[in-house]
Protein backbone atom coordinates (compact mmCIF):
# COMPACT_ATOMS: atom_id res chain seq x y z
CA MET A 1 0.00 0.00 0.00
CA TYR A 2 1.12 3.57 -0.54
CA SER A 3 2.82 5.53 2.21
CA PHE A 4 1.44 8.71 3.72
CA ASP A 5 4.95 10.13 4.03
CA PRO A 6 6.45 11.87 0.97
CA THR A 7 10.00 11.00 0.02
CA GLU A 8 12.76 13.49 0.71
CA GLU A 9 12.74 14.55 -2.96
CA GLN A 10 8.98 14.95 -2.99
CA GLN A 11 9.03 17.04 0.17
CA MET A 12 11.73 19.32 -1.26
CA LEU A 13 9.63 19.84 -4.37
CA VAL A 14 6.45 20.51 -2.40
CA ASP A 15 8.29 23.03 -0.22
CA ALA A 16 9.64 24.85 -3.28
CA VAL A 17 6.22 24.88 -4.94
CA GLY A 18 4.63 26.07 -1.69
CA LYS A 19 6.96 29.06 -1.55
CA PHE A 20 6.15 29.93 -5.14
CA ALA A 21 2.42 29.60 -4.49
CA THR A 22 2.55 31.76 -1.37
CA ASN A 23 5.10 34.38 -2.41
CA ASP A 24 4.31 34.76 -6.11
CA LEU A 25 0.98 33.29 -7.21
CA ARG A 26 -1.24 34.33 -4.29
CA PRO A 27 -0.15 38.03 -4.18
CA ALA A 28 -0.62 38.38 -7.95
CA ALA A 29 -3.89 36.45 -8.24
CA HIS A 30 -6.38 39.29 -7.65
CA GLU A 31 -4.76 41.72 -10.06
CA ALA A 32 -4.32 39.00 -12.67
CA GLU A 33 -8.01 38.08 -12.42
CA GLU A 34 -9.13 41.71 -12.67
CA SER A 35 -6.77 42.70 -15.48
CA HIS A 36 -7.18 39.39 -17.36
CA GLU A 37 -3.42 39.07 -17.59
CA LEU A 38 -0.81 36.97 -15.80
CA GLN A 39 2.68 38.42 -15.60
CA GLN A 40 5.23 36.63 -17.77
CA LYS A 41 7.78 36.69 -14.96
CA ILE A 42 5.46 34.53 -12.87
CA LEU A 43 5.13 32.02 -15.71
CA ASN A 44 8.89 31.91 -16.05
CA LYS A 45 9.48 31.48 -12.33
CA GLY A 46 6.91 28.69 -12.13
CA TRP A 47 8.50 26.97 -15.11
CA GLU A 48 11.91 27.12 -13.45
CA LEU A 49 10.60 24.88 -10.66
CA GLY A 50 10.94 22.07 -13.19
CA LEU A 51 7.72 20.16 -12.53
CA LEU A 52 7.39 19.01 -16.14
CA GLN A 53 11.12 18.63 -16.68
CA ALA A 54 11.31 16.31 -13.67
CA SER A 55 8.65 14.09 -15.27
CA ILE A 56 10.59 13.59 -18.51
CA PRO A 57 13.43 11.01 -18.76
CA GLU A 58 16.93 12.15 -19.67
CA ALA A 59 16.62 10.42 -23.04
CA TYR A 60 14.13 13.12 -24.05
CA GLY A 61 15.85 16.11 -22.45
CA GLY A 62 14.41 15.92 -18.95
CA PHE A 63 15.96 14.91 -15.67
CA GLY A 64 13.58 12.50 -13.99
CA GLU A 65 10.75 10.01 -14.25
CA ARG A 66 7.03 10.70 -14.19
CA SER A 67 5.22 10.06 -10.91
CA ALA A 68 1.50 10.75 -10.59
CA VAL A 69 1.85 10.92 -6.80
CA THR A 70 4.55 13.58 -7.03
CA GLY A 71 2.42 15.41 -9.56
CA VAL A 72 -0.68 15.60 -7.37
CA LEU A 73 1.34 16.71 -4.35
CA ALA A 74 2.90 19.56 -6.33
CA LEU A 75 -0.29 20.52 -8.16
CA GLU A 76 -2.35 20.75 -4.98
CA GLU A 77 0.30 22.96 -3.41
CA MET A 78 0.46 25.27 -6.41
CA ALA A 79 -3.33 25.55 -6.78
CA PHE A 80 -3.43 26.62 -3.13
CA GLY A 81 -1.79 29.83 -4.37
CA ASP A 82 -3.88 30.49 -7.48
CA LEU A 83 -5.64 28.22 -9.95
CA ALA A 84 -5.33 30.35 -13.09
CA GLY A 85 -1.60 30.85 -12.54
CA THR A 86 -1.15 27.14 -11.89
CA LEU A 87 -2.93 26.11 -15.07
CA ALA A 88 -0.92 28.66 -17.05
CA VAL A 89 2.44 27.43 -15.74
CA LEU A 90 1.51 23.81 -16.45
CA THR A 91 -0.07 24.33 -19.89
CA PRO A 92 2.93 22.79 -21.76
CA SER A 93 2.27 19.58 -19.83
CA LEU A 94 -1.01 19.23 -21.74
CA PHE A 95 1.07 18.65 -24.85
CA ALA A 96 4.09 16.85 -23.43
CA ILE A 97 2.63 14.36 -20.93
CA PRO A 98 0.27 12.68 -23.45
CA ILE A 99 3.20 12.23 -25.82
CA LEU A 100 5.26 10.78 -22.98
CA LEU A 101 2.44 8.42 -21.98
CA VAL A 102 1.28 7.07 -25.32
CA GLY A 103 3.31 8.77 -28.07
CA SER A 104 5.49 6.86 -30.50
CA GLU A 105 9.24 6.83 -29.99
CA GLU A 106 9.66 9.17 -32.93
CA GLN A 107 7.12 11.62 -31.45
CA LYS A 108 8.89 11.57 -28.10
CA GLN A 109 12.26 12.22 -29.69
CA THR A 110 10.87 14.98 -31.89
CA TYR A 111 8.62 16.94 -29.55
CA LEU A 112 9.59 16.44 -25.91
CA PRO A 113 12.99 18.17 -26.11
CA ARG A 114 11.35 21.12 -27.89
CA VAL A 115 8.87 21.59 -25.07
CA ILE A 116 11.09 21.24 -22.04
CA GLU A 117 14.47 22.59 -23.13
CA GLY A 118 14.76 26.31 -22.57
CA GLU A 119 12.12 28.72 -21.32
CA TRP A 120 8.37 28.24 -20.95
CA SER A 121 6.72 27.97 -24.37
CA PRO A 122 3.00 27.81 -25.18
CA TYR A 123 2.43 24.22 -26.25
CA THR A 124 -1.13 23.15 -25.51
CA SER A 125 -3.97 20.72 -26.26
CA ALA A 126 -7.64 20.87 -27.24
CA LEU A 127 -10.03 18.36 -25.70
CA ILE A 128 -13.12 20.23 -24.42
CA GLU A 129 -16.07 20.91 -26.72
CA TYR A 130 -19.17 23.08 -26.43
CA ALA A 131 -21.76 20.47 -25.59
CA PHE A 132 -24.18 20.07 -22.71
CA ASP A 133 -23.40 16.35 -22.65
CA PHE A 134 -19.68 16.66 -23.38
CA ASP A 135 -17.92 13.31 -23.05
CA PRO A 136 -14.21 12.96 -23.89
CA ASN A 137 -14.94 9.43 -25.10
CA ASP A 138 -17.66 10.62 -27.48
CA LEU A 139 -16.32 13.68 -29.26
CA ARG A 140 -18.11 15.61 -31.99
CA THR A 141 -14.82 16.67 -33.57
CA THR A 142 -14.05 14.00 -36.16
CA ALA A 143 -11.01 12.57 -37.88
CA LYS A 144 -11.31 10.63 -41.14
CA LEU A 145 -8.54 8.74 -42.89
CA GLN A 146 -8.03 9.79 -46.49
CA ASN A 147 -5.11 8.18 -48.30
CA ASP A 148 -2.11 8.59 -45.94
CA GLU A 149 -3.44 11.47 -43.85
CA TYR A 150 -6.28 12.36 -41.51
CA VAL A 151 -8.83 15.12 -42.09
CA LEU A 152 -10.11 16.85 -38.94
CA ASN A 153 -13.36 18.79 -38.61
CA GLY A 154 -15.03 20.28 -35.54
CA GLU A 155 -14.80 22.94 -32.85
CA LYS A 156 -12.96 23.09 -29.54
CA ALA A 157 -13.34 25.27 -26.46
CA PHE A 158 -11.17 26.41 -23.55
CA VAL A 159 -7.87 25.97 -25.40
CA SER A 160 -5.19 27.59 -23.24
CA PHE A 161 -2.73 29.89 -25.04
CA ALA A 162 -4.07 28.78 -28.44
CA LYS A 163 -3.20 32.13 -30.02
CA GLU A 164 0.47 31.85 -29.11
CA ALA A 165 0.81 28.06 -29.31
CA GLU A 166 3.80 26.50 -31.02
CA ALA A 167 1.83 23.29 -31.55
CA ILE A 168 -1.51 21.87 -30.41
CA LEU A 169 -2.56 18.34 -29.56
CA ILE A 170 -6.09 17.94 -30.93
CA TYR A 171 -8.42 15.19 -29.72
CA ALA A 172 -10.96 13.88 -32.23
CA SER A 173 -13.21 10.89 -32.81
CA LEU A 174 -11.85 8.38 -35.32
CA ASP A 175 -14.49 5.75 -36.09
CA GLY A 176 -16.03 6.44 -32.67
CA ILE A 177 -12.75 6.18 -30.75
CA THR A 178 -11.02 9.26 -29.32
CA GLN A 179 -7.52 9.77 -30.66
CA GLY A 180 -4.92 12.54 -30.50
CA PHE A 181 -3.42 14.42 -33.44
CA ILE A 182 -0.45 16.79 -33.32
CA ILE A 183 -0.75 19.89 -35.48
CA ASP A 184 1.16 23.11 -35.95
CA SER A 185 -0.75 26.26 -34.99
CA SER A 186 -0.31 27.62 -38.53
CA THR A 187 -1.87 24.55 -40.15
CA THR A 188 -4.24 25.32 -43.03
CA GLY A 189 -7.88 25.01 -42.01
CA LEU A 190 -7.29 25.82 -38.33
CA THR A 191 -9.04 29.01 -37.19
CA ILE A 192 -8.43 30.41 -33.72
CA HIS A 193 -10.96 32.98 -32.58
CA ASP A 194 -9.49 36.42 -31.92
CA GLU A 195 -11.64 36.98 -28.85
CA ARG A 196 -10.78 35.16 -25.64
CA GLU A 197 -13.30 32.97 -23.85
CA LYS A 198 -15.47 34.97 -21.43
CA LEU A 199 -15.91 32.86 -18.33
CA MET A 200 -17.04 33.16 -14.74
CA SER A 201 -13.46 32.62 -13.54
CA LEU A 202 -9.90 31.91 -14.71
CA ASN A 203 -9.83 35.29 -16.42
CA ALA A 204 -6.04 35.47 -16.10
CA LEU A 205 -5.69 32.33 -18.22
CA PRO A 206 -5.98 33.13 -21.95
CA MET A 207 -8.30 30.54 -23.47
CA TYR A 208 -9.72 30.49 -26.96
CA ARG A 209 -12.21 28.68 -29.11
CA LEU A 210 -10.89 27.10 -32.29
CA LYS A 211 -12.42 25.63 -35.43
CA LEU A 212 -11.07 22.87 -37.65
CA GLU A 213 -12.20 22.79 -41.26
CA ASN A 214 -10.67 19.95 -43.27
CA VAL A 215 -7.40 20.18 -41.35
CA LYS A 216 -5.00 17.63 -42.84
CA VAL A 217 -2.70 15.73 -40.49
CA SER A 218 0.01 13.27 -41.49
CA SER A 219 -0.47 9.73 -40.22
CA LEU A 220 2.92 10.17 -38.50
CA ASN A 221 1.33 12.84 -36.29
CA ARG A 222 -1.41 10.59 -34.97
CA LEU A 223 -0.64 10.25 -31.26
CA GLY A 224 0.95 6.85 -30.77
CA GLY A 225 1.90 6.48 -34.42
CA ALA A 226 0.04 4.97 -37.34
CA LEU A 227 -2.00 2.61 -35.14
CA GLY A 228 -2.81 5.24 -32.51
CA HIS A 229 -3.30 4.47 -28.82
CA ASP A 230 -6.04 4.25 -26.23
CA ILE A 231 -6.28 7.63 -24.45
CA GLY A 232 -7.31 6.04 -21.15
CA PRO A 233 -3.96 6.86 -19.48
CA ILE A 234 -4.28 10.48 -20.62
CA LEU A 235 -7.79 10.93 -19.26
CA ALA A 236 -6.79 9.34 -15.95
CA ALA A 237 -3.81 11.70 -15.65
CA MET A 238 -6.11 14.65 -16.40
CA ARG A 239 -8.67 13.54 -13.84
CA VAL A 240 -6.26 13.12 -10.95
CA ALA A 241 -4.78 16.52 -11.86
CA ASN A 242 -8.27 18.02 -11.79
CA ALA A 243 -8.90 16.46 -8.39
CA ALA A 244 -5.58 17.66 -6.96
CA ALA A 245 -6.20 21.23 -8.15
CA ALA A 246 -9.68 21.15 -6.63
CA VAL A 247 -8.24 20.04 -3.30
CA GLY A 248 -5.75 22.90 -3.44
CA VAL A 249 -8.42 25.53 -4.13
CA ALA A 250 -10.70 24.11 -1.43
CA ASN A 251 -7.88 24.08 1.11
CA ALA A 252 -7.07 27.72 0.31
CA ALA A 253 -10.70 28.68 0.96
CA PHE A 254 -10.80 26.64 4.15
CA GLU A 255 -7.61 28.12 5.62
CA TYR A 256 -8.63 31.68 4.74
CA SER A 257 -12.12 31.37 6.21
CA LYS A 258 -10.80 29.61 9.31
CA ASP A 259 -8.31 32.40 9.99
CA TYR A 260 -11.01 35.01 9.38
CA ALA A 261 -13.39 33.26 11.81
CA LYS A 262 -10.70 33.19 14.49
CA GLU A 263 -10.00 36.92 14.17
CA ARG A 264 -13.42 38.40 13.40
CA GLU A 265 -15.61 39.38 16.35
CA VAL A 266 -19.41 39.69 16.25
CA PHE A 267 -21.12 41.05 19.37
CA GLY A 268 -17.93 40.51 21.34
CA VAL A 269 -17.51 36.86 20.36
CA LYS A 270 -15.11 35.38 17.81
CA VAL A 271 -16.96 34.00 14.80
CA ALA A 272 -15.12 30.68 15.17
CA GLN A 273 -16.68 30.24 18.60
CA LYS A 274 -20.15 30.13 17.10
CA GLN A 275 -21.20 26.49 17.09
CA ALA A 276 -22.69 26.62 13.61
CA ILE A 277 -19.45 28.06 12.20
CA ALA A 278 -17.27 25.60 14.11
CA PHE A 279 -19.29 22.68 12.78
CA MET A 280 -19.12 24.11 9.27
CA LEU A 281 -15.33 24.39 9.42
CA ALA A 282 -15.03 20.84 10.74
CA GLU A 283 -17.15 19.50 7.89
CA MET A 284 -15.11 21.47 5.34
CA ARG A 285 -11.87 20.01 6.66
CA THR A 286 -13.33 16.49 6.68
CA GLU A 287 -14.45 16.72 3.06
CA ILE A 288 -11.08 18.10 1.95
CA GLU A 289 -9.16 15.30 3.67
CA ALA A 290 -11.45 12.64 2.22
CA MET A 291 -10.92 13.86 -1.35
CA ARG A 292 -7.20 14.38 -0.79
CA LEU A 293 -6.78 10.74 0.25
CA LEU A 294 -8.89 9.49 -2.66
CA THR A 295 -6.76 11.56 -5.05
CA TRP A 296 -3.50 10.28 -3.56
CA GLU A 297 -4.72 6.70 -3.78
CA ALA A 298 -5.79 7.12 -7.40
CA ALA A 299 -2.38 8.60 -8.24
CA TRP A 300 -0.59 5.76 -6.44
CA LYS A 301 -2.63 3.21 -8.38
CA LEU A 302 -1.72 4.92 -11.64
CA ASP A 303 1.96 4.76 -10.74
CA ASN A 304 1.65 1.08 -9.88
CA ASN A 305 -0.56 0.08 -12.83
CA LYS A 306 -3.41 -1.14 -10.66
CA GLU A 307 -6.44 -2.54 -12.46
CA ASP A 308 -8.92 -0.05 -10.97
CA ALA A 309 -6.69 3.03 -11.31
CA TYR A 310 -8.78 4.61 -14.07
CA THR A 311 -11.98 4.14 -12.07
CA ASP A 312 -10.45 5.71 -8.98
CA ALA A 313 -9.15 8.64 -11.04
CA TYR A 314 -12.67 9.26 -12.32
CA LEU A 315 -14.18 9.01 -8.84
CA ALA A 316 -11.56 11.40 -7.44
CA SER A 317 -12.31 13.92 -10.17
CA ILE A 318 -16.09 13.99 -9.77
CA GLY A 319 -15.87 13.78 -5.98
CA ALA A 320 -13.39 16.66 -5.75
CA ALA A 321 -15.52 18.78 -8.12
CA ASP A 322 -18.48 18.47 -5.76
CA MET A 323 -16.33 18.97 -2.68
CA VAL A 324 -14.62 22.18 -3.85
CA MET A 325 -17.96 23.77 -4.71
CA THR A 326 -19.31 23.00 -1.25
CA VAL A 327 -16.19 24.14 0.61
CA THR A 328 -15.73 27.40 -1.29
CA ASP A 329 -19.42 28.25 -0.92
CA ARG A 330 -19.17 27.76 2.84
CA ALA A 331 -16.04 29.90 2.96
CA VAL A 332 -17.99 32.77 1.41
CA GLN A 333 -20.78 32.17 3.91
CA ILE A 334 -18.38 32.25 6.88
CA LEU A 335 -17.09 35.67 5.79
CA GLY A 336 -20.65 36.94 5.58
CA GLY A 337 -20.92 40.20 3.66
CA HIS A 338 -17.13 40.34 3.31
CA GLY A 339 -17.25 37.07 1.39
CA TYR A 340 -19.07 38.85 -1.42
CA ILE A 341 -16.44 41.58 -1.72
CA ARG A 342 -13.83 41.08 -4.44
CA GLU A 343 -10.98 42.19 -2.20
CA HIS A 344 -11.38 38.91 -0.33
CA PRO A 345 -10.25 35.94 -2.44
CA VAL A 346 -12.99 33.56 -1.31
CA GLU A 347 -15.44 34.85 -3.93
CA MET A 348 -12.89 34.12 -6.67
CA TRP A 349 -12.22 30.66 -5.24
CA MET A 350 -15.96 29.98 -5.28
CA ARG A 351 -16.13 30.98 -8.94
CA ASN A 352 -13.13 28.76 -9.65
CA GLY A 353 -14.70 25.92 -7.70
CA ARG A 354 -17.89 26.06 -9.74
CA GLY A 355 -15.94 25.30 -12.90
CA PHE A 356 -14.19 22.09 -11.90
CA ALA A 357 -16.99 19.96 -13.31
CA ALA A 358 -15.92 21.26 -16.75
CA PHE A 359 -12.16 21.63 -16.23
CA THR A 360 -11.00 18.13 -17.23
CA GLY A 361 -8.56 18.83 -20.02
CA LEU A 362 -7.02 21.98 -18.54
CA ALA A 363 -4.43 20.20 -16.38
CA ILE A 364 -2.50 16.94 -16.46
CA ILE A 365 0.20 15.37 -14.32
């Protein structure tokens, strides 16, 4: 069974990420949300932590081996600082990790060094679609084989840094099976909307809608090679990442509202001494810990190739999405009228929390 104690290397990484989250992401979060812009220096500093580089073997330009457990520990810690900044820093992982997991040897040799060597670069992926019943295993974007190339048609939503992307990993349905296709951002037939997505939250993260009209892709750029590959490992990695980020956001809301309740007095009594508030805080902490353990276990099972790893990753994702909405809503409630004021971050965390049900595809570990 997995251990509850991180290794020395994991703890060093978590400590470094924690400092970045506290000293850089959190102070910049409000202004970034209001101005719809994240400072490039923050992206660069987050990139220098080497989270993605440490997941890539030396053979492909990295300096480590991928560990889902290490990934969820680091992602939770970073999301504690700010979700939009976290997703921005880790956007290149959306392109690189799928190639590492299921890409062909040629694709690994070609693309991974480009992504991880040097400074942060906007490599990204496009999974999410505008559909009430969106299902990553039943995409409306299609790929059809014609001669020795694939022709892609469809529309994608919430594509991070699409305007600036060096390359994009597009997911499409090929004969009813979801597959990945690597394309250059200047590919003929690819249209990226000029206007950014207008969302309830994550306004500091530039996301765009894109359209594919008869986009031609070489069979060599089908993820996994000519025969492709099941994307199950990719979806599982996205789902545990989603769960870890949700735990981080929920924990930020919990800690902030707890500290507020301890300091704020109402009619001469600390808010935290009110029984209803004390019970609420206890329930918030319980729900966070439950989802944290489920996420850790799912990540451990992924690392150890357990049979039910994909199921646990899915359960962690949907469970954490419900949990973060509940916890952030209660945090706003604990602050009372102050919770509705934008100068307090709990209202932003509640807006972030509401989106986790639709965020699968924005992070991967």
